[in-house]
Amino acid sequence: MYNRKKPAEEVPEENTKVWTCETEGCNSWMRDNFAFDHVPNCTFCHAPMVSGMKMLPALVNTNHDMKSLKKGTAIT
């Protein structure tokens, strides 16, 4: 049978620095270049996270230095 769908394009992957939750049973992780803290805490269980590497699809973060951004709004 003929299928008109185009074959899916292969997404390039790269070895990426990530933060993973150190709590057993928690599968939370985030890319380092999207983290706001130099050593972030897990957003789900609030435990410390450890640095590691994962093969992930390549993404470009146009906001280069997320860790230097000020959090929140100052109330005057």
Protein backbone atom coordinates (compact mmCIF):
# COMPACT_ATOMS: atom_id res chain seq x y z
CA MET A 1 0.00 0.00 0.00
CA TYR A 2 1.27 3.49 -0.82
CA ASN A 3 1.85 5.92 2.06
CA ARG A 4 2.07 9.64 1.28
CA LYS A 5 3.68 10.60 4.58
CA LYS A 6 7.19 11.89 4.25
CA PRO A 7 9.77 10.02 6.30
CA ALA A 8 10.58 11.81 9.55
CA GLU A 9 13.74 13.89 9.40
CA GLU A 10 16.52 12.69 11.64
CA VAL A 11 17.08 15.15 14.49
CA PRO A 12 20.77 15.71 15.24
CA GLU A 13 21.72 14.79 18.80
CA GLU A 14 24.63 15.99 20.90
CA ASN A 15 26.13 15.17 24.27
CA THR A 16 24.57 17.82 26.55
CA LYS A 17 25.37 18.85 30.13
CA VAL A 18 22.30 18.29 32.34
CA TRP A 19 21.29 18.40 35.99
CA THR A 20 19.51 15.30 37.35
CA CYS A 21 17.72 14.90 40.67
CA GLU A 22 19.68 12.80 43.15
CA THR A 23 16.55 11.53 44.94
CA GLU A 24 15.84 7.88 44.23
CA GLY A 25 12.58 7.52 42.34
CA CYS A 26 12.56 11.11 41.03
CA ASN A 27 13.22 11.29 37.28
CA SER A 28 13.52 15.07 37.09
CA TRP A 29 16.29 16.63 34.96
CA MET A 30 17.05 19.89 33.13
CA ARG A 31 19.56 21.16 30.61
CA ASP A 32 22.36 23.20 32.17
CA ASN A 33 21.97 26.08 29.71
CA PHE A 34 18.29 26.43 30.73
CA ALA A 35 18.97 26.40 34.51
CA PHE A 36 18.73 29.65 36.49
CA ASP A 37 21.06 28.57 39.33
CA HIS A 38 24.67 27.40 39.25
CA VAL A 39 23.58 24.35 41.32
CA PRO A 40 19.78 24.05 40.96
CA ASN A 41 17.31 22.22 43.20
CA CYS A 42 14.72 19.81 41.83
CA THR A 43 11.47 21.63 41.01
CA PHE A 44 9.41 18.60 42.08
CA CYS A 45 10.98 17.33 45.30
CA HIS A 46 13.30 20.30 46.12
CA ALA A 47 16.33 18.00 46.54
CA PRO A 48 19.79 19.01 45.27
CA MET A 49 20.64 18.06 41.69
CA VAL A 50 23.87 16.56 40.34
CA SER A 51 25.63 17.37 37.09
CA GLY A 52 25.80 14.80 34.30
CA MET A 53 25.65 14.29 30.54
CA LYS A 54 22.87 13.01 28.21
CA MET A 55 22.51 12.51 24.47
CA LEU A 56 19.71 14.94 23.57
CA PRO A 57 18.41 16.66 20.44
CA ALA A 58 20.40 19.83 19.73
CA LEU A 59 18.65 23.01 20.92
CA VAL A 60 19.80 26.61 20.81
CA ASN A 61 19.15 28.83 23.82
CA THR A 62 19.17 32.42 22.54
CA ASN A 63 19.27 33.75 26.10
CA HIS A 64 22.92 32.78 26.65
CA ASP A 65 23.41 33.42 30.37
CA MET A 66 20.29 32.36 32.30
CA LYS A 67 22.20 32.27 35.59
CA SER A 68 22.93 36.01 35.52
CA LEU A 69 19.27 37.03 35.08
CA LYS A 70 17.58 38.62 38.05
CA LYS A 71 14.71 36.60 39.44
CA GLY A 72 11.41 38.18 40.32
CA THR A 73 10.40 41.81 40.29
CA ALA A 74 11.63 44.34 42.82
CA ILE A 75 8.83 45.89 44.86
CA THR A 76 9.39 49.54 45.71
